[in-house]
Amino acid sequence: MLTKLYDVKDEFVNGNEMKFFIKKLDDEDTGEEEYEAGDVIDLNLYGISEAYFNYMCVLIFQSETSGPFSATPVALRGNCVNPNNPEKFAFGYFRLTQMSKTTYAVQ
């Protein structure tokens, strides 16, 4: 199963209905193929804070430009703090989210 992350800013949506278009193209390098009728896609939409959105934008950018197993250009600090030694920070981000989930069958 292939998982893709996208970041979509809702600055102009403000709770209104929006349409989002996802297209998968053939890619010989990754072996990815276009969607075909009968393919099932699981979609999860997360409502998150602006601070977490900014964190995820940087994380997605770093993972796409350096590859999933490459070292990132810089350590990405989250909002987890080591109270005993702030110089030794934890990787990751604590957040609460609202999620909407649906499944779509390609026709």
PDB file of N, CA and C in Angstrom:
ATOM      1  N   MET A   1       0.850  -1.180   0.000  1.00  0.00           N
ATOM      2  CA  MET A   1       0.000   0.000   0.000  1.00  0.00           C
ATOM      3  C   MET A   1       0.893   1.239   0.000  1.00  0.00           C
ATOM      4  N   LEU A   2       0.616   2.137  -0.890  1.00  0.00           N
ATOM      5  CA  LEU A   2       1.367   3.371  -1.018  1.00  0.00           C
ATOM      6  C   LEU A   2       0.674   4.475  -0.231  1.00  0.00           C
ATOM      7  N   THR A   3       1.441   5.161   0.590  1.00  0.00           N
ATOM      8  CA  THR A   3       0.896   6.281   1.361  1.00  0.00           C
ATOM      9  C   THR A   3       1.527   7.562   0.869  1.00  0.00           C
ATOM     10  N   LYS A   4       0.706   8.536   0.551  1.00  0.00           N
ATOM     11  CA  LYS A   4       1.179   9.852   0.124  1.00  0.00           C
ATOM     12  C   LYS A   4       0.650  10.886   1.101  1.00  0.00           C
ATOM     13  N   LEU A   5       1.490  11.849   1.438  1.00  0.00           N
ATOM     14  CA  LEU A   5       1.077  12.946   2.303  1.00  0.00           C
ATOM     15  C   LEU A   5       1.013  14.223   1.483  1.00  0.00           C
ATOM     16  N   TYR A   6      -0.044  14.983   1.667  1.00  0.00           N
ATOM     17  CA  TYR A   6      -0.193  16.271   1.012  1.00  0.00           C
ATOM     18  C   TYR A   6      -0.533  17.306   2.074  1.00  0.00           C
ATOM     19  N   ASP A   7      -0.066  18.511   1.873  1.00  0.00           N
ATOM     20  CA  ASP A   7      -0.432  19.592   2.778  1.00  0.00           C
ATOM     21  C   ASP A   7      -1.280  20.594   1.999  1.00  0.00           C
ATOM     22  N   VAL A   8      -2.445  20.896   2.536  1.00  0.00           N
ATOM     23  CA  VAL A   8      -3.371  21.823   1.890  1.00  0.00           C
ATOM     24  C   VAL A   8      -3.764  22.877   2.906  1.00  0.00           C
ATOM     25  N   LYS A   9      -3.396  24.113   2.658  1.00  0.00           N
ATOM     26  CA  LYS A   9      -3.725  25.207   3.573  1.00  0.00           C
ATOM     27  C   LYS A   9      -5.183  25.595   3.367  1.00  0.00           C
ATOM     28  N   ASP A  10      -5.917  25.756   4.442  1.00  0.00           N
ATOM     29  CA  ASP A  10      -7.342  26.073   4.344  1.00  0.00           C
ATOM     30  C   ASP A  10      -7.631  27.547   4.586  1.00  0.00           C
ATOM     31  N   GLU A  11      -6.661  28.394   4.288  1.00  0.00           N
ATOM     32  CA  GLU A  11      -6.799  29.826   4.544  1.00  0.00           C
ATOM     33  C   GLU A  11      -8.062  30.418   3.915  1.00  0.00           C
ATOM     34  N   PHE A  12      -8.424  29.975   2.719  1.00  0.00           N
ATOM     35  CA  PHE A  12      -9.576  30.548   2.026  1.00  0.00           C
ATOM     36  C   PHE A  12     -10.797  29.628   2.049  1.00  0.00           C
ATOM     37  N   VAL A  13     -10.689  28.480   2.708  1.00  0.00           N
ATOM     38  CA  VAL A  13     -11.803  27.530   2.774  1.00  0.00           C
ATOM     39  C   VAL A  13     -12.707  27.848   3.959  1.00  0.00           C
ATOM     40  N   ASN A  14     -12.111  28.016   5.135  1.00  0.00           N
ATOM     41  CA  ASN A  14     -12.819  28.416   6.342  1.00  0.00           C
ATOM     42  C   ASN A  14     -14.070  27.584   6.610  1.00  0.00           C
ATOM     43  N   GLY A  15     -13.934  26.267   6.575  1.00  0.00           N
ATOM     44  CA  GLY A  15     -15.046  25.385   6.911  1.00  0.00           C
ATOM     45  C   GLY A  15     -15.994  25.093   5.772  1.00  0.00           C
ATOM     46  N   ASN A  16     -15.798  25.695   4.612  1.00  0.00           N
ATOM     47  CA  ASN A  16     -16.662  25.438   3.465  1.00  0.00           C
ATOM     48  C   ASN A  16     -16.233  24.164   2.749  1.00  0.00           C
ATOM     49  N   GLU A  17     -17.136  23.623   1.939  1.00  0.00           N
ATOM     50  CA  GLU A  17     -16.828  22.431   1.168  1.00  0.00           C
ATOM     51  C   GLU A  17     -15.768  22.770   0.125  1.00  0.00           C
ATOM     52  N   MET A  18     -14.823  21.841  -0.060  1.00  0.00           N
ATOM     53  CA  MET A  18     -13.789  22.046  -1.069  1.00  0.00           C
ATOM     54  C   MET A  18     -13.591  20.774  -1.861  1.00  0.00           C
ATOM     55  N   LYS A  19     -13.104  20.917  -3.073  1.00  0.00           N
ATOM     56  CA  LYS A  19     -12.827  19.760  -3.920  1.00  0.00           C
ATOM     57  C   LYS A  19     -11.323  19.600  -4.008  1.00  0.00           C
ATOM     58  N   PHE A  20     -10.878  18.357  -3.962  1.00  0.00           N
ATOM     59  CA  PHE A  20      -9.463  18.044  -4.003  1.00  0.00           C
ATOM     60  C   PHE A  20      -9.266  16.983  -5.065  1.00  0.00           C
ATOM     61  N   PHE A  21      -8.344  17.186  -5.969  1.00  0.00           N
ATOM     62  CA  PHE A  21      -8.113  16.291  -7.093  1.00  0.00           C
ATOM     63  C   PHE A  21      -6.809  15.537  -6.893  1.00  0.00           C
ATOM     64  N   ILE A  22      -6.865  14.208  -6.979  1.00  0.00           N
ATOM     65  CA  ILE A  22      -5.672  13.379  -6.853  1.00  0.00           C
ATOM     66  C   ILE A  22      -5.541  12.557  -8.124  1.00  0.00           C
ATOM     67  N   LYS A  23      -4.379  12.633  -8.745  1.00  0.00           N
ATOM     68  CA  LYS A  23      -4.138  11.858  -9.954  1.00  0.00           C
ATOM     69  C   LYS A  23      -2.811  11.138  -9.798  1.00  0.00           C
ATOM     70  N   LYS A  24      -2.792   9.881 -10.130  1.00  0.00           N
ATOM     71  CA  LYS A  24      -1.570   9.088 -10.042  1.00  0.00           C
ATOM     72  C   LYS A  24      -1.138   8.751 -11.466  1.00  0.00           C
ATOM     73  N   LEU A  25       0.081   9.087 -11.805  1.00  0.00           N
ATOM     74  CA  LEU A  25       0.609   8.852 -13.141  1.00  0.00           C
ATOM     75  C   LEU A  25       1.580   7.682 -13.138  1.00  0.00           C
ATOM     76  N   ASP A  26       1.753   7.063 -14.302  1.00  0.00           N
ATOM     77  CA  ASP A  26       2.750   6.004 -14.435  1.00  0.00           C
ATOM     78  C   ASP A  26       4.139   6.566 -14.151  1.00  0.00           C
ATOM     79  N   ASP A  27       4.916   5.832 -13.373  1.00  0.00           N
ATOM     80  CA  ASP A  27       6.281   6.241 -13.061  1.00  0.00           C
ATOM     81  C   ASP A  27       7.158   4.989 -13.062  1.00  0.00           C
ATOM     82  N   GLU A  28       7.970   4.842 -14.094  1.00  0.00           N
ATOM     83  CA  GLU A  28       8.814   3.650 -14.216  1.00  0.00           C
ATOM     84  C   GLU A  28       9.835   3.548 -13.092  1.00  0.00           C
ATOM     85  N   ASP A  29      10.302   4.695 -12.584  1.00  0.00           N
ATOM     86  CA  ASP A  29      11.313   4.677 -11.523  1.00  0.00           C
ATOM     87  C   ASP A  29      10.787   4.077 -10.226  1.00  0.00           C
ATOM     88  N   THR A  30       9.537   4.365  -9.878  1.00  0.00           N
ATOM     89  CA  THR A  30       8.969   3.866  -8.623  1.00  0.00           C
ATOM     90  C   THR A  30       8.061   2.662  -8.822  1.00  0.00           C
ATOM     91  N   GLY A  31       7.717   2.367 -10.074  1.00  0.00           N
ATOM     92  CA  GLY A  31       6.800   1.265 -10.354  1.00  0.00           C
ATOM     93  C   GLY A  31       5.344   1.637 -10.132  1.00  0.00           C
ATOM     94  N   GLU A  32       5.086   2.918  -9.893  1.00  0.00           N
ATOM     95  CA  GLU A  32       3.718   3.389  -9.662  1.00  0.00           C
ATOM     96  C   GLU A  32       2.946   3.397 -10.975  1.00  0.00           C
ATOM     97  N   GLU A  33       1.696   2.968 -10.916  1.00  0.00           N
ATOM     98  CA  GLU A  33       0.842   2.929 -12.107  1.00  0.00           C
ATOM     99  C   GLU A  33      -0.389   3.789 -11.880  1.00  0.00           C
ATOM    100  N   GLU A  34      -1.000   4.229 -12.979  1.00  0.00           N
ATOM    101  CA  GLU A  34      -2.212   5.049 -12.892  1.00  0.00           C
ATOM    102  C   GLU A  34      -3.325   4.273 -12.198  1.00  0.00           C
ATOM    103  N   TYR A  35      -4.269   5.027 -11.615  1.00  0.00           N
ATOM    104  CA  TYR A  35      -5.449   4.392 -11.033  1.00  0.00           C
ATOM    105  C   TYR A  35      -6.271   3.754 -12.147  1.00  0.00           C
ATOM    106  N   GLU A  36      -6.876   2.620 -11.825  1.00  0.00           N
ATOM    107  CA  GLU A  36      -7.754   1.937 -12.763  1.00  0.00           C
ATOM    108  C   GLU A  36      -9.102   1.731 -12.104  1.00  0.00           C
ATOM    109  N   ALA A  37     -10.128   1.528 -12.921  1.00  0.00           N
ATOM    110  CA  ALA A  37     -11.467   1.265 -12.384  1.00  0.00           C
ATOM    111  C   ALA A  37     -11.401   0.082 -11.427  1.00  0.00           C
ATOM    112  N   GLY A  38     -12.015   0.249 -10.267  1.00  0.00           N
ATOM    113  CA  GLY A  38     -12.014  -0.796  -9.250  1.00  0.00           C
ATOM    114  C   GLY A  38     -10.977  -0.591  -8.157  1.00  0.00           C
ATOM    115  N   ASP A  39      -9.967   0.256  -8.409  1.00  0.00           N
ATOM    116  CA  ASP A  39      -8.989   0.572  -7.355  1.00  0.00           C
ATOM    117  C   ASP A  39      -9.707   1.269  -6.202  1.00  0.00           C
ATOM    118  N   VAL A  40      -9.311   0.953  -4.978  1.00  0.00           N
ATOM    119  CA  VAL A  40      -9.917   1.554  -3.799  1.00  0.00           C
ATOM    120  C   VAL A  40      -8.887   2.461  -3.122  1.00  0.00           C
ATOM    121  N   ILE A  41      -9.315   3.674  -2.794  1.00  0.00           N
ATOM    122  CA  ILE A  41      -8.440   4.663  -2.181  1.00  0.00           C
ATOM    123  C   ILE A  41      -9.009   5.033  -0.817  1.00  0.00           C
ATOM    124  N   ASP A  42      -8.187   4.948   0.219  1.00  0.00           N
ATOM    125  CA  ASP A  42      -8.571   5.404   1.552  1.00  0.00           C
ATOM    126  C   ASP A  42      -8.092   6.838   1.707  1.00  0.00           C
ATOM    127  N   LEU A  43      -8.994   7.746   2.057  1.00  0.00           N
ATOM    128  CA  LEU A  43      -8.659   9.159   2.223  1.00  0.00           C
ATOM    129  C   LEU A  43      -8.886   9.562   3.671  1.00  0.00           C
ATOM    130  N   ASN A  44      -7.878  10.186   4.265  1.00  0.00           N
ATOM    131  CA  ASN A  44      -7.981  10.719   5.620  1.00  0.00           C
ATOM    132  C   ASN A  44      -7.675  12.208   5.557  1.00  0.00           C
ATOM    133  N   LEU A  45      -8.563  13.015   6.095  1.00  0.00           N
ATOM    134  CA  LEU A  45      -8.368  14.457   6.140  1.00  0.00           C
ATOM    135  C   LEU A  45      -8.267  14.857   7.601  1.00  0.00           C
ATOM    136  N   TYR A  46      -7.133  15.482   7.960  1.00  0.00           N
ATOM    137  CA  TYR A  46      -6.874  15.846   9.341  1.00  0.00           C
ATOM    138  C   TYR A  46      -7.027  17.350   9.532  1.00  0.00           C
ATOM    139  N   GLY A  47      -7.777  17.753  10.537  1.00  0.00           N
ATOM    140  CA  GLY A  47      -7.858  19.151  10.942  1.00  0.00           C
ATOM    141  C   GLY A  47      -6.810  19.370  12.016  1.00  0.00           C
ATOM    142  N   ILE A  48      -5.839  20.239  11.744  1.00  0.00           N
ATOM    143  CA  ILE A  48      -4.707  20.417  12.643  1.00  0.00           C
ATOM    144  C   ILE A  48      -4.459  21.903  12.908  1.00  0.00           C
ATOM    145  N   SER A  49      -3.622  22.183  13.879  1.00  0.00           N
ATOM    146  CA  SER A  49      -3.271  23.575  14.198  1.00  0.00           C
ATOM    147  C   SER A  49      -2.311  24.118  13.138  1.00  0.00           C
ATOM    148  N   GLU A  50      -2.197  25.436  13.089  1.00  0.00           N
ATOM    149  CA  GLU A  50      -1.282  26.061  12.131  1.00  0.00           C
ATOM    150  C   GLU A  50       0.168  25.684  12.427  1.00  0.00           C
ATOM    151  N   ALA A  51       0.525  25.596  13.708  1.00  0.00           N
ATOM    152  CA  ALA A  51       1.893  25.229  14.074  1.00  0.00           C
ATOM    153  C   ALA A  51       2.224  23.812  13.599  1.00  0.00           C
ATOM    154  N   TYR A  52       1.288  22.871  13.777  1.00  0.00           N
ATOM    155  CA  TYR A  52       1.524  21.505  13.318  1.00  0.00           C
ATOM    156  C   TYR A  52       1.536  21.447  11.795  1.00  0.00           C
ATOM    157  N   PHE A  53       0.695  22.237  11.145  1.00  0.00           N
ATOM    158  CA  PHE A  53       0.692  22.318   9.685  1.00  0.00           C
ATOM    159  C   PHE A  53       2.073  22.748   9.181  1.00  0.00           C
ATOM    160  N   ASN A  54       2.642  23.778   9.792  1.00  0.00           N
ATOM    161  CA  ASN A  54       3.968  24.250   9.383  1.00  0.00           C
ATOM    162  C   ASN A  54       5.026  23.165   9.590  1.00  0.00           C
ATOM    163  N   TYR A  55       4.950  22.452  10.703  1.00  0.00           N
ATOM    164  CA  TYR A  55       5.876  21.352  10.985  1.00  0.00           C
ATOM    165  C   TYR A  55       5.760  20.277   9.903  1.00  0.00           C
ATOM    166  N   MET A  56       4.520  19.890   9.560  1.00  0.00           N
ATOM    167  CA  MET A  56       4.309  18.846   8.551  1.00  0.00           C
ATOM    168  C   MET A  56       4.755  19.294   7.161  1.00  0.00           C
ATOM    169  N   CYS A  57       4.569  20.573   6.819  1.00  0.00           N
ATOM    170  CA  CYS A  57       5.040  21.078   5.518  1.00  0.00           C
ATOM    171  C   CYS A  57       6.544  20.870   5.378  1.00  0.00           C
ATOM    172  N   VAL A  58       7.285  21.213   6.423  1.00  0.00           N
ATOM    173  CA  VAL A  58       8.740  21.052   6.387  1.00  0.00           C
ATOM    174  C   VAL A  58       9.102  19.571   6.337  1.00  0.00           C
ATOM    175  N   LEU A  59       8.425  18.744   7.131  1.00  0.00           N
ATOM    176  CA  LEU A  59       8.707  17.314   7.160  1.00  0.00           C
ATOM    177  C   LEU A  59       8.435  16.669   5.801  1.00  0.00           C
ATOM    178  N   ILE A  60       7.311  16.995   5.180  1.00  0.00           N
ATOM    179  CA  ILE A  60       6.980  16.458   3.856  1.00  0.00           C
ATOM    180  C   ILE A  60       8.022  16.915   2.837  1.00  0.00           C
ATOM    181  N   PHE A  61       8.380  18.195   2.861  1.00  0.00           N
ATOM    182  CA  PHE A  61       9.376  18.719   1.930  1.00  0.00           C
ATOM    183  C   PHE A  61      10.708  17.995   2.093  1.00  0.00           C
ATOM    184  N   GLN A  62      11.154  17.829   3.344  1.00  0.00           N
ATOM    185  CA  GLN A  62      12.428  17.159   3.579  1.00  0.00           C
ATOM    186  C   GLN A  62      12.393  15.706   3.126  1.00  0.00           C
ATOM    187  N   SER A  63      11.280  15.010   3.347  1.00  0.00           N
ATOM    188  CA  SER A  63      11.221  13.600   2.971  1.00  0.00           C
ATOM    189  C   SER A  63      11.151  13.429   1.463  1.00  0.00           C
ATOM    190  N   GLU A  64      10.533  14.367   0.757  1.00  0.00           N
ATOM    191  CA  GLU A  64      10.436  14.260  -0.701  1.00  0.00           C
ATOM    192  C   GLU A  64      11.741  14.643  -1.381  1.00  0.00           C
ATOM    193  N   THR A  65      12.492  15.567  -0.810  1.00  0.00           N
ATOM    194  CA  THR A  65      13.717  16.020  -1.462  1.00  0.00           C
ATOM    195  C   THR A  65      14.926  15.174  -1.105  1.00  0.00           C
ATOM    196  N   SER A  66      14.895  14.527   0.056  1.00  0.00           N
ATOM    197  CA  SER A  66      16.074  13.755   0.452  1.00  0.00           C
ATOM    198  C   SER A  66      15.840  12.252   0.405  1.00  0.00           C
ATOM    199  N   GLY A  67      14.610  11.800   0.245  1.00  0.00           N
ATOM    200  CA  GLY A  67      14.315  10.369   0.225  1.00  0.00           C
ATOM    201  C   GLY A  67      14.011   9.863   1.612  1.00  0.00           C
ATOM    202  N   PRO A  68      13.266   8.769   1.706  1.00  0.00           N
ATOM    203  CA  PRO A  68      12.813   8.288   3.020  1.00  0.00           C
ATOM    204  C   PRO A  68      13.926   7.763   3.923  1.00  0.00           C
ATOM    205  N   PHE A  69      15.066   7.335   3.364  1.00  0.00           N
ATOM    206  CA  PHE A  69      16.122   6.765   4.187  1.00  0.00           C
ATOM    207  C   PHE A  69      17.367   7.644   4.232  1.00  0.00           C
ATOM    208  N   SER A  70      17.286   8.822   3.657  1.00  0.00           N
ATOM    209  CA  SER A  70      18.419   9.748   3.666  1.00  0.00           C
ATOM    210  C   SER A  70      18.352  10.621   4.911  1.00  0.00           C
ATOM    211  N   ALA A  71      19.493  11.173   5.258  1.00  0.00           N
ATOM    212  CA  ALA A  71      19.523  12.119   6.364  1.00  0.00           C
ATOM    213  C   ALA A  71      18.863  13.418   5.923  1.00  0.00           C
ATOM    214  N   THR A  72      18.108  14.026   6.810  1.00  0.00           N
ATOM    215  CA  THR A  72      17.472  15.297   6.482  1.00  0.00           C
ATOM    216  C   THR A  72      18.512  16.410   6.513  1.00  0.00           C
ATOM    217  N   PRO A  73      18.271  17.498   5.778  1.00  0.00           N
ATOM    218  CA  PRO A  73      19.243  18.589   5.753  1.00  0.00           C
ATOM    219  C   PRO A  73      19.529  19.186   7.135  1.00  0.00           C
ATOM    220  N   VAL A  74      18.496  19.326   7.955  1.00  0.00           N
ATOM    221  CA  VAL A  74      18.644  19.818   9.323  1.00  0.00           C
ATOM    222  C   VAL A  74      17.691  19.039  10.206  1.00  0.00           C
ATOM    223  N   ALA A  75      18.022  18.961  11.496  1.00  0.00           N
ATOM    224  CA  ALA A  75      17.126  18.288  12.434  1.00  0.00           C
ATOM    225  C   ALA A  75      15.850  19.118  12.567  1.00  0.00           C
ATOM    226  N   LEU A  76      14.722  18.486  12.419  1.00  0.00           N
ATOM    227  CA  LEU A  76      13.436  19.169  12.504  1.00  0.00           C
ATOM    228  C   LEU A  76      12.922  19.066  13.936  1.00  0.00           C
ATOM    229  N   ARG A  77      12.889  20.187  14.616  1.00  0.00           N
ATOM    230  CA  ARG A  77      12.444  20.209  16.009  1.00  0.00           C
ATOM    231  C   ARG A  77      10.931  20.289  16.075  1.00  0.00           C
ATOM    232  N   GLY A  78      10.372  19.474  16.942  1.00  0.00           N
ATOM    233  CA  GLY A  78       8.945  19.512  17.187  1.00  0.00           C
ATOM    234  C   GLY A  78       8.648  20.358  18.413  1.00  0.00           C
ATOM    235  N   ASN A  79       7.524  20.085  19.041  1.00  0.00           N
ATOM    236  CA  ASN A  79       7.149  20.876  20.217  1.00  0.00           C
ATOM    237  C   ASN A  79       7.349  20.100  21.519  1.00  0.00           C
ATOM    238  N   CYS A  80       8.009  18.942  21.466  1.00  0.00           N
ATOM    239  CA  CYS A  80       8.306  18.167  22.671  1.00  0.00           C
ATOM    240  C   CYS A  80       9.604  18.696  23.275  1.00  0.00           C
ATOM    241  N   VAL A  81       9.589  18.999  24.565  1.00  0.00           N
ATOM    242  CA  VAL A  81      10.730  19.623  25.233  1.00  0.00           C
ATOM    243  C   VAL A  81      11.235  18.712  26.351  1.00  0.00           C
ATOM    244  N   ASN A  82      12.541  18.604  26.456  1.00  0.00           N
ATOM    245  CA  ASN A  82      13.171  17.876  27.546  1.00  0.00           C
ATOM    246  C   ASN A  82      13.362  18.878  28.688  1.00  0.00           C
ATOM    247  N   PRO A  83      12.578  18.800  29.766  1.00  0.00           N
ATOM    248  CA  PRO A  83      12.675  19.798  30.835  1.00  0.00           C
ATOM    249  C   PRO A  83      14.004  19.767  31.578  1.00  0.00           C
ATOM    250  N   ASN A  84      14.688  18.619  31.577  1.00  0.00           N
ATOM    251  CA  ASN A  84      15.968  18.519  32.277  1.00  0.00           C
ATOM    252  C   ASN A  84      17.121  19.096  31.459  1.00  0.00           C
ATOM    253  N   ASN A  85      17.024  18.982  30.146  1.00  0.00           N
ATOM    254  CA  ASN A  85      18.084  19.483  29.281  1.00  0.00           C
ATOM    255  C   ASN A  85      17.461  19.912  27.944  1.00  0.00           C
ATOM    256  N   PRO A  86      17.072  21.165  27.803  1.00  0.00           N
ATOM    257  CA  PRO A  86      16.416  21.637  26.578  1.00  0.00           C
ATOM    258  C   PRO A  86      17.268  21.478  25.315  1.00  0.00           C
ATOM    259  N   GLU A  87      18.583  21.342  25.458  1.00  0.00           N
ATOM    260  CA  GLU A  87      19.450  21.151  24.292  1.00  0.00           C
ATOM    261  C   GLU A  87      19.269  19.764  23.676  1.00  0.00           C
ATOM    262  N   LYS A  88      18.798  18.812  24.469  1.00  0.00           N
ATOM    263  CA  LYS A  88      18.519  17.461  23.965  1.00  0.00           C
ATOM    264  C   LYS A  88      17.017  17.366  23.733  1.00  0.00           C
ATOM    265  N   PHE A  89      16.622  17.665  22.508  1.00  0.00           N
ATOM    266  CA  PHE A  89      15.195  17.690  22.202  1.00  0.00           C
ATOM    267  C   PHE A  89      14.737  16.359  21.620  1.00  0.00           C
ATOM    268  N   ALA A  90      13.461  16.100  21.770  1.00  0.00           N
ATOM    269  CA  ALA A  90      12.865  14.884  21.223  1.00  0.00           C
ATOM    270  C   ALA A  90      12.453  15.131  19.780  1.00  0.00           C
ATOM    271  N   PHE A  91      12.492  14.074  18.961  1.00  0.00           N
ATOM    272  CA  PHE A  91      11.989  14.168  17.599  1.00  0.00           C
ATOM    273  C   PHE A  91      10.494  13.870  17.626  1.00  0.00           C
ATOM    274  N   GLY A  92       9.742  14.601  16.873  1.00  0.00           N
ATOM    275  CA  GLY A  92       8.314  14.374  16.813  1.00  0.00           C
ATOM    276  C   GLY A  92       7.535  15.590  17.242  1.00  0.00           C
ATOM    277  N   TYR A  93       6.224  15.416  17.261  1.00  0.00           N
ATOM    278  CA  TYR A  93       5.342  16.542  17.537  1.00  0.00           C
ATOM    279  C   TYR A  93       4.100  16.020  18.235  1.00  0.00           C
ATOM    280  N   PHE A  94       3.771  16.586  19.387  1.00  0.00           N
ATOM    281  CA  PHE A  94       2.543  16.209  20.079  1.00  0.00           C
ATOM    282  C   PHE A  94       1.427  17.085  19.547  1.00  0.00           C
ATOM    283  N   ARG A  95       0.305  16.457  19.168  1.00  0.00           N
ATOM    284  CA  ARG A  95      -0.815  17.235  18.641  1.00  0.00           C
ATOM    285  C   ARG A  95      -2.124  16.498  18.864  1.00  0.00           C
ATOM    286  N   LEU A  96      -3.198  17.237  18.827  1.00  0.00           N
ATOM    287  CA  LEU A  96      -4.544  16.687  18.798  1.00  0.00           C
ATOM    288  C   LEU A  96      -5.112  17.029  17.438  1.00  0.00           C
ATOM    289  N   THR A  97      -5.828  16.089  16.836  1.00  0.00           N
ATOM    290  CA  THR A  97      -6.382  16.339  15.511  1.00  0.00           C
ATOM    291  C   THR A  97      -7.830  15.890  15.434  1.00  0.00           C
ATOM    292  N   GLN A  98      -8.498  16.439  14.447  1.00  0.00           N
ATOM    293  CA  GLN A  98      -9.826  15.974  14.069  1.00  0.00           C
ATOM    294  C   GLN A  98      -9.651  15.298  12.718  1.00  0.00           C
ATOM    295  N   MET A  99     -10.210  14.099  12.532  1.00  0.00           N
ATOM    296  CA  MET A  99     -10.013  13.384  11.281  1.00  0.00           C
ATOM    297  C   MET A  99     -11.349  13.004  10.649  1.00  0.00           C
ATOM    298  N   SER A 100     -11.428  13.197   9.343  1.00  0.00           N
ATOM    299  CA  SER A 100     -12.543  12.695   8.549  1.00  0.00           C
ATOM    300  C   SER A 100     -11.969  11.631   7.632  1.00  0.00           C
ATOM    301  N   LYS A 101     -12.665  10.509   7.527  1.00  0.00           N
ATOM    302  CA  LYS A 101     -12.150   9.387   6.765  1.00  0.00           C
ATOM    303  C   LYS A 101     -13.206   8.877   5.793  1.00  0.00           C
ATOM    304  N   THR A 102     -12.769   8.554   4.581  1.00  0.00           N
ATOM    305  CA  THR A 102     -13.685   7.980   3.604  1.00  0.00           C
ATOM    306  C   THR A 102     -12.910   7.034   2.687  1.00  0.00           C
ATOM    307  N   THR A 103     -13.622   6.173   2.031  1.00  0.00           N
ATOM    308  CA  THR A 103     -13.041   5.263   1.040  1.00  0.00           C
ATOM    309  C   THR A 103     -13.693   5.551  -0.288  1.00  0.00           C
ATOM    310  N   TYR A 104     -12.876   5.598  -1.333  1.00  0.00           N
ATOM    311  CA  TYR A 104     -13.377   5.916  -2.669  1.00  0.00           C
ATOM    312  C   TYR A 104     -12.971   4.802  -3.630  1.00  0.00           C
ATOM    313  N   ALA A 105     -13.922   4.309  -4.410  1.00  0.00           N
ATOM    314  CA  ALA A 105     -13.632   3.301  -5.433  1.00  0.00           C
ATOM    315  C   ALA A 105     -13.572   4.004  -6.788  1.00  0.00           C
ATOM    316  N   VAL A 106     -12.441   3.881  -7.461  1.00  0.00           N
ATOM    317  CA  VAL A 106     -12.248   4.517  -8.769  1.00  0.00           C
ATOM    318  C   VAL A 106     -13.200   3.886  -9.768  1.00  0.00           C
ATOM    319  N   GLN A 107     -13.865   4.757 -10.548  1.00  0.00           N
ATOM    320  CA  GLN A 107     -14.834   4.259 -11.558  1.00  0.00           C
ATOM    321  C   GLN A 107     -14.296   4.433 -12.949  1.00  0.00           C
TER     322      GLN A 107
END
